[in-house]
Amino acid sequence: MRLALGAIMVAHGYQKVLNLHQTANFMAGLGIPHWLAYVASFTEFLGGLLILAGFFTRPAALAICIDLSVAIWKAHWHNGLTGEHGYEFPLAAAAIAFALIFFGAGPISIDHILRGGGGASKRS
């Protein structure tokens, strides 16, 4: 789950980071301040990278869950669940992010290694 969400968010965030001014203008048309377009773009891109690495997974997943919730509310809701540009896909990605908030990155992650996991036996 973590790797799938990370890859999706990096891909979508990368497109937004490459076209920051277009993204900002699009979001301004939705009633979102220009500066939040920069926050959303980098949240998706950098948050996706963090989730891929399993580093600061829970805070990154929280930021992505908020980002996707706002995207559903402002850009996708009026299209319905399965309509063209509907909220089906962002809802599924937000659900994965929500699960990562509570379950964490798992055993193959930087978070797990830093918490003392990683398979090395501890001496008493």
C-alpha atoms as a PDB file:
ATOM      1  CA  MET A   1       0.000   0.000   0.000  1.00  0.00           C
ATOM      2  CA  ARG A   2       2.715   2.429   1.007  1.00  0.00           C
ATOM      3  CA  LEU A   3       4.725   2.026  -2.183  1.00  0.00           C
ATOM      4  CA  ALA A   4       1.654   2.336  -4.405  1.00  0.00           C
ATOM      5  CA  LEU A   5       0.515   5.552  -2.706  1.00  0.00           C
ATOM      6  CA  GLY A   6       4.045   6.969  -2.739  1.00  0.00           C
ATOM      7  CA  ALA A   7       4.443   6.313  -6.465  1.00  0.00           C
ATOM      8  CA  ILE A   8       1.042   7.830  -7.257  1.00  0.00           C
ATOM      9  CA  MET A   9       1.704  10.955  -5.198  1.00  0.00           C
ATOM     10  CA  VAL A  10       5.224  11.469  -6.603  1.00  0.00           C
ATOM     11  CA  ALA A  11       3.870  11.204 -10.156  1.00  0.00           C
ATOM     12  CA  HIS A  12       0.990  13.620  -9.560  1.00  0.00           C
ATOM     13  CA  GLY A  13       3.074  15.993  -7.454  1.00  0.00           C
ATOM     14  CA  TYR A  14       5.879  16.033 -10.030  1.00  0.00           C
ATOM     15  CA  GLN A  15       3.451  17.182 -12.719  1.00  0.00           C
ATOM     16  CA  LYS A  16       2.231  19.963 -10.451  1.00  0.00           C
ATOM     17  CA  VAL A  17       5.731  21.043  -9.415  1.00  0.00           C
ATOM     18  CA  LEU A  18       6.813  21.250 -13.060  1.00  0.00           C
ATOM     19  CA  ASN A  19       3.817  23.467 -13.866  1.00  0.00           C
ATOM     20  CA  LEU A  20       3.519  25.488 -10.664  1.00  0.00           C
ATOM     21  CA  HIS A  21       2.056  28.596 -12.269  1.00  0.00           C
ATOM     22  CA  GLN A  22      -0.592  26.617 -14.165  1.00  0.00           C
ATOM     23  CA  THR A  23      -1.418  24.715 -10.985  1.00  0.00           C
ATOM     24  CA  ALA A  24      -1.703  27.958  -9.019  1.00  0.00           C
ATOM     25  CA  ASN A  25      -3.987  29.504 -11.645  1.00  0.00           C
ATOM     26  CA  PHE A  26      -6.165  26.388 -11.761  1.00  0.00           C
ATOM     27  CA  MET A  27      -6.507  26.343  -7.978  1.00  0.00           C
ATOM     28  CA  ALA A  28      -7.221  30.065  -7.888  1.00  0.00           C
ATOM     29  CA  GLY A  29     -10.122  29.342 -10.228  1.00  0.00           C
ATOM     30  CA  LEU A  30     -11.452  26.946  -7.574  1.00  0.00           C
ATOM     31  CA  GLY A  31     -11.270  29.655  -4.922  1.00  0.00           C
ATOM     32  CA  ILE A  32      -8.044  28.411  -3.338  1.00  0.00           C
ATOM     33  CA  PRO A  33      -5.302  31.022  -2.729  1.00  0.00           C
ATOM     34  CA  HIS A  34      -2.308  30.851  -5.089  1.00  0.00           C
ATOM     35  CA  TRP A  35       0.147  30.104  -2.288  1.00  0.00           C
ATOM     36  CA  LEU A  36      -1.748  26.957  -1.324  1.00  0.00           C
ATOM     37  CA  ALA A  37      -1.107  25.582  -4.807  1.00  0.00           C
ATOM     38  CA  TYR A  38       2.594  25.567  -3.963  1.00  0.00           C
ATOM     39  CA  VAL A  39       1.890  23.876  -0.637  1.00  0.00           C
ATOM     40  CA  ALA A  40      -0.297  21.227  -2.304  1.00  0.00           C
ATOM     41  CA  SER A  41       2.196  20.578  -5.104  1.00  0.00           C
ATOM     42  CA  PHE A  42       5.130  20.063  -2.777  1.00  0.00           C
ATOM     43  CA  THR A  43       2.996  18.129  -0.291  1.00  0.00           C
ATOM     44  CA  GLU A  44       2.164  15.627  -3.012  1.00  0.00           C
ATOM     45  CA  PHE A  45       5.695  15.398  -4.411  1.00  0.00           C
ATOM     46  CA  LEU A  46       7.780  15.450  -1.224  1.00  0.00           C
ATOM     47  CA  GLY A  47       5.135  13.600   0.791  1.00  0.00           C
ATOM     48  CA  GLY A  48       5.147  10.888  -1.862  1.00  0.00           C
ATOM     49  CA  LEU A  49       8.938  10.609  -1.647  1.00  0.00           C
ATOM     50  CA  LEU A  50       8.772  10.346   2.156  1.00  0.00           C
ATOM     51  CA  ILE A  51       6.090   7.675   1.949  1.00  0.00           C
ATOM     52  CA  LEU A  52       8.097   5.721  -0.643  1.00  0.00           C
ATOM     53  CA  ALA A  53      11.093   5.726   1.691  1.00  0.00           C
ATOM     54  CA  GLY A  54       9.000   5.012   4.763  1.00  0.00           C
ATOM     55  CA  PHE A  55      10.434   8.077   6.486  1.00  0.00           C
ATOM     56  CA  PHE A  56       8.113  10.305   8.552  1.00  0.00           C
ATOM     57  CA  THR A  57       5.348   8.192   7.070  1.00  0.00           C
ATOM     58  CA  ARG A  58       2.552   9.142   9.446  1.00  0.00           C
ATOM     59  CA  PRO A  59       2.985  12.942   9.158  1.00  0.00           C
ATOM     60  CA  ALA A  60       3.418  12.669   5.368  1.00  0.00           C
ATOM     61  CA  ALA A  61       0.297  10.495   5.112  1.00  0.00           C
ATOM     62  CA  LEU A  62      -1.663  13.009   7.208  1.00  0.00           C
ATOM     63  CA  ALA A  63      -0.595  15.866   4.927  1.00  0.00           C
ATOM     64  CA  ILE A  64      -1.515  13.844   1.828  1.00  0.00           C
ATOM     65  CA  CYS A  65      -4.867  12.821   3.321  1.00  0.00           C
ATOM     66  CA  ILE A  66      -5.696  16.494   3.967  1.00  0.00           C
ATOM     67  CA  ASP A  67      -4.475  17.449   0.477  1.00  0.00           C
ATOM     68  CA  LEU A  68      -6.668  14.797  -1.169  1.00  0.00           C
ATOM     69  CA  SER A  69      -9.672  15.701   0.993  1.00  0.00           C
ATOM     70  CA  VAL A  70      -9.457  19.299  -0.184  1.00  0.00           C
ATOM     71  CA  ALA A  71      -9.037  18.101  -3.792  1.00  0.00           C
ATOM     72  CA  ILE A  72     -12.183  15.989  -3.474  1.00  0.00           C
ATOM     73  CA  TRP A  73     -14.112  18.873  -1.920  1.00  0.00           C
ATOM     74  CA  LYS A  74     -13.019  21.637  -4.274  1.00  0.00           C
ATOM     75  CA  ALA A  75     -12.322  19.912  -7.617  1.00  0.00           C
ATOM     76  CA  HIS A  76     -14.006  16.499  -7.799  1.00  0.00           C
ATOM     77  CA  TRP A  77     -17.162  16.444  -5.662  1.00  0.00           C
ATOM     78  CA  HIS A  78     -19.435  18.099  -8.226  1.00  0.00           C
ATOM     79  CA  ASN A  79     -18.513  15.381 -10.779  1.00  0.00           C
ATOM     80  CA  GLY A  80     -19.850  12.594  -8.595  1.00  0.00           C
ATOM     81  CA  LEU A  81     -18.150   9.408  -7.501  1.00  0.00           C
ATOM     82  CA  THR A  82     -17.565   7.786 -10.875  1.00  0.00           C
ATOM     83  CA  GLY A  83     -18.177  10.621 -13.343  1.00  0.00           C
ATOM     84  CA  GLU A  84     -15.435  12.077 -15.517  1.00  0.00           C
ATOM     85  CA  HIS A  85     -12.919  13.604 -13.065  1.00  0.00           C
ATOM     86  CA  GLY A  86     -15.008  12.179 -10.244  1.00  0.00           C
ATOM     87  CA  TYR A  87     -13.719  11.617  -6.728  1.00  0.00           C
ATOM     88  CA  GLU A  88     -13.336   7.826  -6.940  1.00  0.00           C
ATOM     89  CA  PHE A  89      -9.533   7.852  -7.427  1.00  0.00           C
ATOM     90  CA  PRO A  90      -8.642  10.586  -4.908  1.00  0.00           C
ATOM     91  CA  LEU A  91     -10.955   8.919  -2.388  1.00  0.00           C
ATOM     92  CA  ALA A  92      -9.116   5.601  -2.791  1.00  0.00           C
ATOM     93  CA  ALA A  93      -5.724   7.315  -2.415  1.00  0.00           C
ATOM     94  CA  ALA A  94      -6.979   9.245   0.647  1.00  0.00           C
ATOM     95  CA  ALA A  95      -8.172   5.968   2.187  1.00  0.00           C
ATOM     96  CA  ILE A  96      -4.694   4.472   1.765  1.00  0.00           C
ATOM     97  CA  ALA A  97      -3.135   7.598   3.304  1.00  0.00           C
ATOM     98  CA  PHE A  98      -5.623   7.374   6.187  1.00  0.00           C
ATOM     99  CA  ALA A  99      -4.637   3.745   6.795  1.00  0.00           C
ATOM    100  CA  LEU A 100      -0.929   4.687   6.815  1.00  0.00           C
ATOM    101  CA  ILE A 101      -1.605   7.300   9.506  1.00  0.00           C
ATOM    102  CA  PHE A 102      -2.773   4.554  11.844  1.00  0.00           C
ATOM    103  CA  PHE A 103      -0.735   1.524  10.739  1.00  0.00           C
ATOM    104  CA  GLY A 104       2.539   3.243   9.899  1.00  0.00           C
ATOM    105  CA  ALA A 105       5.090   2.327   7.259  1.00  0.00           C
ATOM    106  CA  GLY A 106       5.602  -1.332   8.120  1.00  0.00           C
ATOM    107  CA  PRO A 107       8.762  -3.349   8.720  1.00  0.00           C
ATOM    108  CA  ILE A 108      10.566  -2.424   5.488  1.00  0.00           C
ATOM    109  CA  SER A 109      10.984   1.292   6.111  1.00  0.00           C
ATOM    110  CA  ILE A 110      13.329   3.866   7.516  1.00  0.00           C
ATOM    111  CA  ASP A 111      10.808   4.582  10.285  1.00  0.00           C
ATOM    112  CA  HIS A 112      11.019   0.950  11.443  1.00  0.00           C
ATOM    113  CA  ILE A 113      14.837   0.968  11.444  1.00  0.00           C
ATOM    114  CA  LEU A 114      14.981   4.222  13.411  1.00  0.00           C
ATOM    115  CA  ARG A 115      12.532   2.862  16.002  1.00  0.00           C
ATOM    116  CA  GLY A 116      14.924   0.006  16.770  1.00  0.00           C
ATOM    117  CA  GLY A 117      13.562  -2.621  14.406  1.00  0.00           C
ATOM    118  CA  GLY A 118      15.457  -4.024  11.495  1.00  0.00           C
ATOM    119  CA  GLY A 119      16.236  -7.543  12.635  1.00  0.00           C
ATOM    120  CA  ALA A 120      19.435  -6.973  14.616  1.00  0.00           C
ATOM    121  CA  SER A 121      19.311  -8.918  17.867  1.00  0.00           C
ATOM    122  CA  LYS A 122      19.513  -6.842  21.013  1.00  0.00           C
ATOM    123  CA  ARG A 123      21.656  -7.853  23.932  1.00  0.00           C
ATOM    124  CA  SER A 124      20.332  -7.641  27.455  1.00  0.00           C
END
